[in-house]
Protein backbone atom coordinates (compact mmCIF):
# COMPACT_ATOMS: atom_id res chain seq x y z
CA UNK A 1 -16.97 -7.02 7.67
CA UNK A 2 -16.23 -4.53 10.27
CA UNK A 3 -15.68 -1.66 7.70
CA UNK A 4 -19.11 -2.41 6.00
CA UNK A 5 -21.06 -1.68 9.29
CA UNK A 6 -19.29 1.36 10.55
CA UNK A 7 -16.46 -0.47 12.30
CA UNK A 8 -12.72 -0.02 11.80
CA UNK A 9 -10.39 2.84 12.74
CA UNK A 10 -9.70 5.98 10.92
CA UNK A 11 -6.41 4.35 9.79
CA UNK A 12 -8.37 1.53 8.35
CA UNK A 13 -10.73 3.71 6.33
CA UNK A 14 -7.72 5.92 5.25
CA UNK A 15 -5.92 2.84 3.88
CA UNK A 16 -9.08 1.83 2.02
CA UNK A 17 -9.36 5.44 0.65
CA UNK A 18 -5.65 5.55 -0.47
CA UNK A 19 -6.11 2.09 -2.36
CA UNK A 20 -9.20 3.57 -4.05
CA UNK A 21 -7.35 6.58 -5.11
CA UNK A 22 -4.45 4.41 -6.33
CA UNK A 23 -6.90 2.50 -8.48
CA UNK A 24 -8.03 5.68 -10.06
CA UNK A 25 -4.40 6.64 -10.69
CA UNK A 26 -4.52 9.72 -8.37
CA UNK A 27 -1.37 10.14 -6.29
CA UNK A 28 -2.28 9.87 -2.49
CA UNK A 29 -0.69 9.50 0.93
CA UNK A 30 -1.87 8.35 4.23
CA UNK A 31 -1.39 11.26 6.67
CA UNK A 32 -1.21 10.45 10.51
CA UNK A 33 -1.47 13.12 12.87
CA UNK A 34 -4.00 15.06 15.14
CA UNK A 35 -7.29 16.50 14.34
CA UNK A 36 -9.28 19.22 15.77
CA UNK A 37 -12.26 17.07 17.14
CA UNK A 38 -10.89 13.66 17.52
CA UNK A 39 -7.20 13.95 18.72
CA UNK A 40 -5.06 11.12 16.95
CA UNK A 41 -6.54 10.90 13.60
CA UNK A 42 -5.57 9.61 9.90
CA UNK A 43 -6.48 11.52 6.83
CA UNK A 44 -5.66 11.25 3.09
CA UNK A 45 -3.62 13.71 1.27
CA UNK A 46 -4.25 13.87 -2.60
CA UNK A 47 -2.40 15.64 -5.58
CA UNK A 48 -5.20 17.14 -7.66
CA UNK A 49 -4.66 16.64 -11.21
CA UNK A 50 -4.72 19.80 -13.19
CA UNK A 51 -5.19 20.05 -16.95
CA UNK A 52 -2.00 22.22 -17.36
CA UNK A 53 0.62 21.17 -14.73
CA UNK A 54 3.17 23.50 -16.21
CA UNK A 55 1.35 26.67 -15.62
CA UNK A 56 0.19 26.24 -11.95
CA UNK A 57 1.65 25.07 -8.70
CA UNK A 58 0.49 21.58 -7.52
CA UNK A 59 -2.80 21.63 -5.58
CA UNK A 60 -3.12 19.24 -2.61
CA UNK A 61 -6.37 18.20 -0.85
CA UNK A 62 -6.90 16.58 2.56
CA UNK A 63 -9.76 13.99 2.82
CA UNK A 64 -11.29 12.95 6.13
CA UNK A 65 -11.98 9.16 5.49
CA UNK A 66 -14.52 8.89 8.23
CA UNK A 67 -16.80 11.69 7.14
CA UNK A 68 -15.92 11.98 3.28
CA UNK A 69 -15.20 15.60 3.59
CA UNK A 70 -12.41 17.24 1.41
CA UNK A 71 -10.54 20.27 2.34
CA UNK A 72 -7.91 22.31 0.68
CA UNK A 73 -4.43 22.52 2.35
CA UNK A 74 -4.85 26.23 2.38
CA UNK A 75 -8.33 25.85 4.10
CA UNK A 76 -8.43 27.49 7.57
CA UNK A 77 -11.38 25.08 8.36
CA UNK A 78 -9.37 21.95 7.80
CA UNK A 79 -9.49 19.65 10.83
CA UNK A 80 -5.70 18.66 10.54
CA UNK A 81 -3.68 20.19 13.38
CA UNK A 82 -0.42 18.24 13.38
CA UNK A 83 1.18 15.98 10.81
CA UNK A 84 3.35 13.03 12.10
CA UNK A 85 3.79 10.88 9.17
CA UNK A 86 2.98 10.72 5.39
CA UNK A 87 3.14 7.38 3.73
CA UNK A 88 2.34 5.72 0.45
CA UNK A 89 3.53 2.58 -1.45
CA UNK A 90 6.77 4.44 -2.52
CA UNK A 91 7.84 6.01 0.74
CA UNK A 92 7.32 6.88 4.42
CA UNK A 93 8.24 10.38 5.63
CA UNK A 94 8.16 11.14 9.22
CA UNK A 95 7.43 14.81 10.32
CA UNK A 96 6.42 16.81 13.24
CA UNK A 97 4.72 19.92 11.92
CA UNK A 98 1.82 22.06 13.32
CA UNK A 99 -0.69 23.36 10.93
CA UNK A 100 -2.18 26.70 11.85
């Protein structure tokens, strides 16, 4: 009930958004790191399906599960500062990278 009334952490909302994308057959990862305005934060990284995967490089988007905003990984206005961990149902990858 907490998620319905604005409760729950960013991680809770991120997990819920990852499950939603999984149901839509969109490859997604829960991204844990730091954000510009809120410090420790959770985001969702998705692989954008393109009509012709052979001709173009893969395109990734970052979703803020608390605001619903979508950012390109190339966007200079993305709120993601550092990435600590990417996880999905298949794997967990631990990083420490600064995004500038």
